[in-house]
């Protein structure tokens, strides 16, 4: 009977691994929190950045700011071990607002890790800015470019299509006049394993981990089934004897 119980426990563990493997590979991305802000306000925006590689750490983050509907002012919260810069440039096309015409604006924020500092595998970091005035528009994309210690770069810059199907590397989005999708209210960093960094290959280490867990779960399930059948057969043989 103990062998049957052991087999059931192994099977249950295998099922749990399979259930965990599927969502972890698709939930966590670079996100901005909050995902909604009021036009005209000054918003504190936090970029949550998980390190998804199993072998390299995050050493740099670049966030592109909107230029068609620019912020007039951006400041950053100091982060120990990181050097932060805000680049202001002349706009290709001046933007008229209620406060006048904007000819230059912040266009980029860059965080660079000091020597020996990184966001290690399995960890995440929060990068915080204050931006305003928030433009009076539906939404703005805030593409983020994540650099790893092995030189690979993940561009979180894809726009979600009208169909609502999320792309592989969605850009962080700040919703203003438009309503944020319900899914944006959740924190994806409850789990910190997601598609791994690569600039040219679509497969990620997180996908590999998920597949490995799935295969391992199936193998454990098969072993559990064999053990259970053997135990039942042996028990019946003892009874018949």
C-alpha atoms as a PDB file:
ATOM      1  CA  UNK A   1       0.000   0.000   0.000  1.00  0.00           C
ATOM      2  CA  UNK A   2       2.919   2.310   0.726  1.00  0.00           C
ATOM      3  CA  UNK A   3       4.160   1.857  -2.823  1.00  0.00           C
ATOM      4  CA  UNK A   4       0.781   2.906  -4.213  1.00  0.00           C
ATOM      5  CA  UNK A   5       0.804   5.980  -1.977  1.00  0.00           C
ATOM      6  CA  UNK A   6       4.326   6.843  -3.107  1.00  0.00           C
ATOM      7  CA  UNK A   7       3.321   6.468  -6.742  1.00  0.00           C
ATOM      8  CA  UNK A   8       0.338   8.747  -6.237  1.00  0.00           C
ATOM      9  CA  UNK A   9       2.576  11.345  -4.577  1.00  0.00           C
ATOM     10  CA  UNK A  10       5.034  11.254  -7.474  1.00  0.00           C
ATOM     11  CA  UNK A  11       2.182  11.591  -9.976  1.00  0.00           C
ATOM     12  CA  UNK A  12       0.777  14.565  -8.061  1.00  0.00           C
ATOM     13  CA  UNK A  13       4.191  16.209  -8.030  1.00  0.00           C
ATOM     14  CA  UNK A  14       4.520  15.672 -11.759  1.00  0.00           C
ATOM     15  CA  UNK A  15       1.144  17.299 -12.356  1.00  0.00           C
ATOM     16  CA  UNK A  16       2.152  20.291 -10.245  1.00  0.00           C
ATOM     17  CA  UNK A  17       5.348  20.722 -12.272  1.00  0.00           C
ATOM     18  CA  UNK A  18       3.387  20.621 -15.509  1.00  0.00           C
ATOM     19  CA  UNK A  19       0.903  23.202 -14.244  1.00  0.00           C
ATOM     20  CA  UNK A  20       3.715  25.516 -13.180  1.00  0.00           C
ATOM     21  CA  UNK A  21       5.749  25.134 -16.358  1.00  0.00           C
ATOM     22  CA  UNK A  22       3.034  26.347 -18.717  1.00  0.00           C
ATOM     23  CA  UNK A  23       2.176  29.764 -17.219  1.00  0.00           C
ATOM     24  CA  UNK A  24       5.659  30.761 -16.096  1.00  0.00           C
ATOM     25  CA  UNK A  25       6.969  30.877 -19.642  1.00  0.00           C
ATOM     26  CA  UNK A  26       4.353  33.365 -20.762  1.00  0.00           C
ATOM     27  CA  UNK A  27       3.437  35.651 -17.868  1.00  0.00           C
ATOM     28  CA  UNK A  28       6.313  37.903 -16.897  1.00  0.00           C
ATOM     29  CA  UNK A  29       7.493  40.721 -19.139  1.00  0.00           C
ATOM     30  CA  UNK A  30       9.055  44.126 -18.645  1.00  0.00           C
ATOM     31  CA  UNK A  31       6.088  46.191 -17.448  1.00  0.00           C
ATOM     32  CA  UNK A  32       5.291  49.706 -16.336  1.00  0.00           C
ATOM     33  CA  UNK A  33       3.307  50.266 -13.161  1.00  0.00           C
ATOM     34  CA  UNK A  34       0.835  51.839 -12.886  1.00  0.00           C
ATOM     35  CA  UNK A  35      -0.426  51.108 -16.380  1.00  0.00           C
ATOM     36  CA  UNK A  36      -2.858  54.050 -16.320  1.00  0.00           C
ATOM     37  CA  UNK A  37      -2.335  57.785 -15.744  1.00  0.00           C
ATOM     38  CA  UNK A  38      -4.432  60.924 -16.031  1.00  0.00           C
ATOM     39  CA  UNK A  39      -3.719  63.447 -18.764  1.00  0.00           C
ATOM     40  CA  UNK A  40      -2.000  66.546 -17.402  1.00  0.00           C
ATOM     41  CA  UNK A  41      -0.727  64.782 -14.292  1.00  0.00           C
ATOM     42  CA  UNK A  42       2.807  63.985 -13.219  1.00  0.00           C
ATOM     43  CA  UNK A  43       3.038  60.213 -12.859  1.00  0.00           C
ATOM     44  CA  UNK A  44       5.545  58.101 -10.972  1.00  0.00           C
ATOM     45  CA  UNK A  45       6.250  55.185 -13.304  1.00  0.00           C
ATOM     46  CA  UNK A  46       7.990  52.005 -12.185  1.00  0.00           C
ATOM     47  CA  UNK A  47       9.520  49.680 -14.752  1.00  0.00           C
ATOM     48  CA  UNK A  48       9.665  46.143 -13.382  1.00  0.00           C
ATOM     49  CA  UNK A  49      12.431  44.217 -15.075  1.00  0.00           C
ATOM     50  CA  UNK A  50      12.949  40.486 -14.438  1.00  0.00           C
ATOM     51  CA  UNK A  51      16.156  38.722 -15.381  1.00  0.00           C
ATOM     52  CA  UNK A  52      14.984  35.797 -17.445  1.00  0.00           C
ATOM     53  CA  UNK A  53      18.318  34.267 -18.393  1.00  0.00           C
ATOM     54  CA  UNK A  54      19.655  31.383 -16.347  1.00  0.00           C
ATOM     55  CA  UNK A  55      23.273  32.309 -17.101  1.00  0.00           C
ATOM     56  CA  UNK A  56      23.478  36.115 -17.475  1.00  0.00           C
ATOM     57  CA  UNK A  57      22.422  39.142 -15.449  1.00  0.00           C
ATOM     58  CA  UNK A  58      20.719  42.375 -16.499  1.00  0.00           C
ATOM     59  CA  UNK A  59      23.279  45.178 -16.713  1.00  0.00           C
ATOM     60  CA  UNK A  60      21.478  47.894 -18.680  1.00  0.00           C
ATOM     61  CA  UNK A  61      17.984  49.186 -19.390  1.00  0.00           C
ATOM     62  CA  UNK A  62      17.002  51.802 -21.944  1.00  0.00           C
ATOM     63  CA  UNK A  63      13.447  53.154 -22.082  1.00  0.00           C
ATOM     64  CA  UNK A  64      12.330  55.155 -25.114  1.00  0.00           C
ATOM     65  CA  UNK A  65       9.982  58.038 -24.328  1.00  0.00           C
ATOM     66  CA  UNK A  66       7.266  59.258 -26.734  1.00  0.00           C
ATOM     67  CA  UNK A  67       8.169  62.010 -29.166  1.00  0.00           C
ATOM     68  CA  UNK A  68       4.866  62.485 -31.022  1.00  0.00           C
ATOM     69  CA  UNK A  69       3.141  63.195 -27.688  1.00  0.00           C
ATOM     70  CA  UNK A  70       6.130  63.979 -25.460  1.00  0.00           C
ATOM     71  CA  UNK A  71       6.531  64.444 -21.735  1.00  0.00           C
ATOM     72  CA  UNK A  72       7.800  67.920 -20.904  1.00  0.00           C
ATOM     73  CA  UNK A  73       9.778  66.790 -17.878  1.00  0.00           C
ATOM     74  CA  UNK A  74      11.306  63.520 -16.678  1.00  0.00           C
ATOM     75  CA  UNK A  75      13.313  62.885 -13.531  1.00  0.00           C
ATOM     76  CA  UNK A  76      14.573  59.629 -12.053  1.00  0.00           C
ATOM     77  CA  UNK A  77      14.837  58.013  -8.653  1.00  0.00           C
ATOM     78  CA  UNK A  78      18.476  57.244  -7.794  1.00  0.00           C
ATOM     79  CA  UNK A  79      19.296  53.545  -7.732  1.00  0.00           C
ATOM     80  CA  UNK A  80      22.342  52.328  -5.832  1.00  0.00           C
ATOM     81  CA  UNK A  81      24.899  50.692  -8.097  1.00  0.00           C
ATOM     82  CA  UNK A  82      23.431  52.155 -11.272  1.00  0.00           C
ATOM     83  CA  UNK A  83      24.204  55.259 -13.324  1.00  0.00           C
ATOM     84  CA  UNK A  84      21.125  56.940 -14.785  1.00  0.00           C
ATOM     85  CA  UNK A  85      20.895  59.463 -17.609  1.00  0.00           C
ATOM     86  CA  UNK A  86      17.954  61.284 -19.197  1.00  0.00           C
ATOM     87  CA  UNK A  87      18.556  62.362 -22.792  1.00  0.00           C
ATOM     88  CA  UNK A  88      16.747  65.455 -24.063  1.00  0.00           C
ATOM     89  CA  UNK A  89      16.716  66.123 -27.799  1.00  0.00           C
ATOM     90  CA  UNK A  90      15.178  68.493 -30.301  1.00  0.00           C
ATOM     91  CA  UNK A  91      11.958  67.036 -31.681  1.00  0.00           C
ATOM     92  CA  UNK A  92      11.769  66.300 -35.396  1.00  0.00           C
ATOM     93  CA  UNK A  93       8.366  67.986 -35.400  1.00  0.00           C
ATOM     94  CA  UNK A  94       7.349  70.629 -32.814  1.00  0.00           C
ATOM     95  CA  UNK A  95       4.314  69.687 -30.737  1.00  0.00           C
ATOM     96  CA  UNK A  96       1.649  72.247 -29.869  1.00  0.00           C
ATOM     97  CA  UNK A  97       0.078  72.032 -26.401  1.00  0.00           C
ATOM     98  CA  UNK A  98      -2.137  74.238 -24.252  1.00  0.00           C
ATOM     99  CA  UNK A  99       1.036  75.526 -22.593  1.00  0.00           C
ATOM    100  CA  UNK A 100       2.760  76.395 -25.851  1.00  0.00           C
ATOM    101  CA  UNK A 101       4.853  74.708 -28.520  1.00  0.00           C
ATOM    102  CA  UNK A 102       7.331  72.046 -27.467  1.00  0.00           C
ATOM    103  CA  UNK A 103      10.485  71.911 -29.588  1.00  0.00           C
ATOM    104  CA  UNK A 104      12.592  69.634 -27.412  1.00  0.00           C
ATOM    105  CA  UNK A 105      11.756  66.986 -24.835  1.00  0.00           C
ATOM    106  CA  UNK A 106      13.153  64.003 -22.916  1.00  0.00           C
ATOM    107  CA  UNK A 107      13.401  61.115 -25.360  1.00  0.00           C
ATOM    108  CA  UNK A 108      15.272  58.398 -23.475  1.00  0.00           C
ATOM    109  CA  UNK A 109      16.184  57.170 -20.011  1.00  0.00           C
ATOM    110  CA  UNK A 110      19.170  54.856 -19.561  1.00  0.00           C
ATOM    111  CA  UNK A 111      20.205  52.864 -16.497  1.00  0.00           C
ATOM    112  CA  UNK A 112      23.692  51.311 -16.615  1.00  0.00           C
ATOM    113  CA  UNK A 113      24.960  48.979 -13.902  1.00  0.00           C
ATOM    114  CA  UNK A 114      28.262  49.847 -12.243  1.00  0.00           C
ATOM    115  CA  UNK A 115      31.108  47.342 -12.553  1.00  0.00           C
ATOM    116  CA  UNK A 116      30.269  44.164 -10.647  1.00  0.00           C
ATOM    117  CA  UNK A 117      26.577  45.046 -10.335  1.00  0.00           C
ATOM    118  CA  UNK A 118      23.774  43.195 -12.122  1.00  0.00           C
ATOM    119  CA  UNK A 119      20.240  41.910 -11.666  1.00  0.00           C
ATOM    120  CA  UNK A 120      21.080  38.247 -11.253  1.00  0.00           C
ATOM    121  CA  UNK A 121      19.117  35.313 -12.705  1.00  0.00           C
ATOM    122  CA  UNK A 122      15.923  34.737 -10.777  1.00  0.00           C
ATOM    123  CA  UNK A 123      15.813  38.364  -9.571  1.00  0.00           C
ATOM    124  CA  UNK A 124      14.065  41.515 -10.769  1.00  0.00           C
ATOM    125  CA  UNK A 125      14.732  45.216 -10.340  1.00  0.00           C
ATOM    126  CA  UNK A 126      12.489  48.288 -10.295  1.00  0.00           C
ATOM    127  CA  UNK A 127      13.527  51.386 -12.210  1.00  0.00           C
ATOM    128  CA  UNK A 128      11.531  54.500 -11.274  1.00  0.00           C
ATOM    129  CA  UNK A 129      10.926  57.818 -13.047  1.00  0.00           C
ATOM    130  CA  UNK A 130       8.592  60.755 -12.628  1.00  0.00           C
ATOM    131  CA  UNK A 131       7.143  61.893 -15.954  1.00  0.00           C
ATOM    132  CA  UNK A 132       4.818  64.706 -16.924  1.00  0.00           C
ATOM    133  CA  UNK A 133       2.875  66.403 -17.937  1.00  0.00           C
ATOM    134  CA  UNK A 134       1.181  63.219 -19.144  1.00  0.00           C
ATOM    135  CA  UNK A 135       0.020  63.903 -22.726  1.00  0.00           C
ATOM    136  CA  UNK A 136      -3.685  64.001 -23.555  1.00  0.00           C
ATOM    137  CA  UNK A 137      -3.814  60.955 -25.799  1.00  0.00           C
ATOM    138  CA  UNK A 138      -5.131  57.411 -25.795  1.00  0.00           C
ATOM    139  CA  UNK A 139      -1.939  55.607 -24.834  1.00  0.00           C
ATOM    140  CA  UNK A 140       1.815  55.804 -25.244  1.00  0.00           C
ATOM    141  CA  UNK A 141       4.277  53.016 -25.852  1.00  0.00           C
ATOM    142  CA  UNK A 142       7.403  52.986 -23.731  1.00  0.00           C
ATOM    143  CA  UNK A 143       9.704  50.515 -25.513  1.00  0.00           C
ATOM    144  CA  UNK A 144      12.350  49.034 -23.221  1.00  0.00           C
ATOM    145  CA  UNK A 145      15.678  47.537 -24.265  1.00  0.00           C
ATOM    146  CA  UNK A 146      17.192  45.087 -21.780  1.00  0.00           C
ATOM    147  CA  UNK A 147      20.899  44.271 -22.034  1.00  0.00           C
ATOM    148  CA  UNK A 148      22.459  41.198 -20.425  1.00  0.00           C
ATOM    149  CA  UNK A 149      26.002  40.594 -19.207  1.00  0.00           C
ATOM    150  CA  UNK A 150      26.612  38.185 -22.101  1.00  0.00           C
ATOM    151  CA  UNK A 151      25.909  40.982 -24.592  1.00  0.00           C
ATOM    152  CA  UNK A 152      22.450  39.822 -25.662  1.00  0.00           C
ATOM    153  CA  UNK A 153      19.633  42.360 -25.879  1.00  0.00           C
ATOM    154  CA  UNK A 154      15.891  41.899 -25.605  1.00  0.00           C
ATOM    155  CA  UNK A 155      13.814  44.649 -27.223  1.00  0.00           C
ATOM    156  CA  UNK A 156      10.467  44.919 -25.463  1.00  0.00           C
ATOM    157  CA  UNK A 157       9.071  47.037 -28.268  1.00  0.00           C
ATOM    158  CA  UNK A 158       6.233  45.191 -29.998  1.00  0.00           C
ATOM    159  CA  UNK A 159       2.805  46.782 -30.101  1.00  0.00           C
ATOM    160  CA  UNK A 160      -0.145  44.573 -29.210  1.00  0.00           C
ATOM    161  CA  UNK A 161      -2.367  44.259 -32.324  1.00  0.00           C
ATOM    162  CA  UNK A 162      -6.065  45.097 -32.390  1.00  0.00           C
ATOM    163  CA  UNK A 163      -6.836  41.403 -32.050  1.00  0.00           C
ATOM    164  CA  UNK A 164      -5.525  41.606 -28.495  1.00  0.00           C
ATOM    165  CA  UNK A 165      -3.120  38.705 -28.964  1.00  0.00           C
ATOM    166  CA  UNK A 166       0.013  39.610 -27.038  1.00  0.00           C
ATOM    167  CA  UNK A 167       3.249  39.573 -29.067  1.00  0.00           C
ATOM    168  CA  UNK A 168       6.375  37.790 -27.878  1.00  0.00           C
ATOM    169  CA  UNK A 169       8.041  40.970 -26.620  1.00  0.00           C
ATOM    170  CA  UNK A 170       5.297  43.517 -25.881  1.00  0.00           C
ATOM    171  CA  UNK A 171       6.308  47.095 -25.155  1.00  0.00           C
ATOM    172  CA  UNK A 172       5.308  48.567 -21.796  1.00  0.00           C
ATOM    173  CA  UNK A 173       2.194  50.705 -22.342  1.00  0.00           C
ATOM    174  CA  UNK A 174       0.908  53.689 -20.383  1.00  0.00           C
ATOM    175  CA  UNK A 175      -2.826  54.054 -20.930  1.00  0.00           C
ATOM    176  CA  UNK A 176      -4.190  57.576 -20.584  1.00  0.00           C
ATOM    177  CA  UNK A 177      -7.557  58.306 -22.233  1.00  0.00           C
ATOM    178  CA  UNK A 178      -7.942  54.664 -23.265  1.00  0.00           C
ATOM    179  CA  UNK A 179      -8.889  52.071 -20.670  1.00  0.00           C
ATOM    180  CA  UNK A 180      -6.194  49.581 -19.744  1.00  0.00           C
ATOM    181  CA  UNK A 181      -7.006  45.919 -20.442  1.00  0.00           C
ATOM    182  CA  UNK A 182      -8.010  43.970 -17.349  1.00  0.00           C
ATOM    183  CA  UNK A 183      -4.896  41.805 -17.623  1.00  0.00           C
ATOM    184  CA  UNK A 184      -2.675  44.872 -17.103  1.00  0.00           C
ATOM    185  CA  UNK A 185      -3.888  45.145 -13.525  1.00  0.00           C
ATOM    186  CA  UNK A 186      -2.013  41.999 -12.487  1.00  0.00           C
ATOM    187  CA  UNK A 187       1.590  41.852 -11.409  1.00  0.00           C
ATOM    188  CA  UNK A 188       3.441  39.478 -13.738  1.00  0.00           C
ATOM    189  CA  UNK A 189       6.423  39.328 -11.418  1.00  0.00           C
ATOM    190  CA  UNK A 190       4.712  36.970  -9.036  1.00  0.00           C
ATOM    191  CA  UNK A 191       6.629  34.557 -11.224  1.00  0.00           C
ATOM    192  CA  UNK A 192       9.992  35.711 -12.531  1.00  0.00           C
ATOM    193  CA  UNK A 193      10.705  33.130 -15.218  1.00  0.00           C
ATOM    194  CA  UNK A 194       9.867  34.297 -18.724  1.00  0.00           C
ATOM    195  CA  UNK A 195      11.252  34.190 -22.268  1.00  0.00           C
ATOM    196  CA  UNK A 196      15.025  34.464 -22.090  1.00  0.00           C
ATOM    197  CA  UNK A 197      17.073  37.196 -23.729  1.00  0.00           C
ATOM    198  CA  UNK A 198      18.234  36.959 -27.293  1.00  0.00           C
ATOM    199  CA  UNK A 199      18.452  39.510 -30.052  1.00  0.00           C
ATOM    200  CA  UNK A 200      18.117  37.054 -32.917  1.00  0.00           C
ATOM    201  CA  UNK A 201      16.613  33.798 -31.634  1.00  0.00           C
ATOM    202  CA  UNK A 202      12.946  33.629 -30.686  1.00  0.00           C
ATOM    203  CA  UNK A 203      13.342  30.646 -28.318  1.00  0.00           C
ATOM    204  CA  UNK A 204      14.094  31.592 -24.714  1.00  0.00           C
ATOM    205  CA  UNK A 205      15.747  29.889 -21.802  1.00  0.00           C
ATOM    206  CA  UNK A 206      12.473  30.123 -19.923  1.00  0.00           C
ATOM    207  CA  UNK A 207      10.772  28.236 -22.734  1.00  0.00           C
ATOM    208  CA  UNK A 208      13.514  25.615 -22.518  1.00  0.00           C
ATOM    209  CA  UNK A 209      13.031  25.378 -18.755  1.00  0.00           C
ATOM    210  CA  UNK A 210       9.276  25.028 -19.201  1.00  0.00           C
ATOM    211  CA  UNK A 211       9.702  22.314 -21.818  1.00  0.00           C
ATOM    212  CA  UNK A 212      12.238  20.560 -19.610  1.00  0.00           C
ATOM    213  CA  UNK A 213       9.864  20.664 -16.665  1.00  0.00           C
ATOM    214  CA  UNK A 214       7.078  19.352 -18.857  1.00  0.00           C
ATOM    215  CA  UNK A 215       9.177  16.449 -20.138  1.00  0.00           C
ATOM    216  CA  UNK A 216      10.416  15.750 -16.624  1.00  0.00           C
ATOM    217  CA  UNK A 217       6.850  15.777 -15.344  1.00  0.00           C
ATOM    218  CA  UNK A 218       5.742  13.334 -18.012  1.00  0.00           C
ATOM    219  CA  UNK A 219       8.690  11.061 -17.218  1.00  0.00           C
ATOM    220  CA  UNK A 220       7.911  11.138 -13.505  1.00  0.00           C
ATOM    221  CA  UNK A 221       4.262  10.427 -14.272  1.00  0.00           C
ATOM    222  CA  UNK A 222       5.235   7.409 -16.375  1.00  0.00           C
ATOM    223  CA  UNK A 223       7.501   6.101 -13.611  1.00  0.00           C
ATOM    224  CA  UNK A 224       4.735   6.591 -11.079  1.00  0.00           C
ATOM    225  CA  UNK A 225       2.323   4.632 -13.264  1.00  0.00           C
ATOM    226  CA  UNK A 226       4.789   1.751 -13.620  1.00  0.00           C
ATOM    227  CA  UNK A 227       5.403   1.689  -9.857  1.00  0.00           C
ATOM    228  CA  UNK A 228       1.678   1.722  -9.168  1.00  0.00           C
ATOM    229  CA  UNK A 229       0.959  -1.113 -11.610  1.00  0.00           C
ATOM    230  CA  UNK A 230       3.842  -3.159 -10.194  1.00  0.00           C
ATOM    231  CA  UNK A 231       2.636  -2.621  -6.630  1.00  0.00           C
ATOM    232  CA  UNK A 232      -0.957  -3.585  -7.465  1.00  0.00           C
ATOM    233  CA  UNK A 233       0.173  -6.658  -9.433  1.00  0.00           C
ATOM    234  CA  UNK A 234       2.447  -7.763  -6.614  1.00  0.00           C
ATOM    235  CA  UNK A 235      -0.310  -7.250  -4.060  1.00  0.00           C
ATOM    236  CA  UNK A 236      -2.770  -9.293  -6.114  1.00  0.00           C
ATOM    237  CA  UNK A 237      -0.155 -12.012  -6.587  1.00  0.00           C
ATOM    238  CA  UNK A 238       0.318 -12.210  -2.829  1.00  0.00           C
ATOM    239  CA  UNK A 239      -3.434 -12.487  -2.256  1.00  0.00           C
ATOM    240  CA  UNK A 240      -3.792 -15.226  -4.922  1.00  0.00           C
ATOM    241  CA  UNK A 241      -0.948 -17.130  -3.329  1.00  0.00           C
END
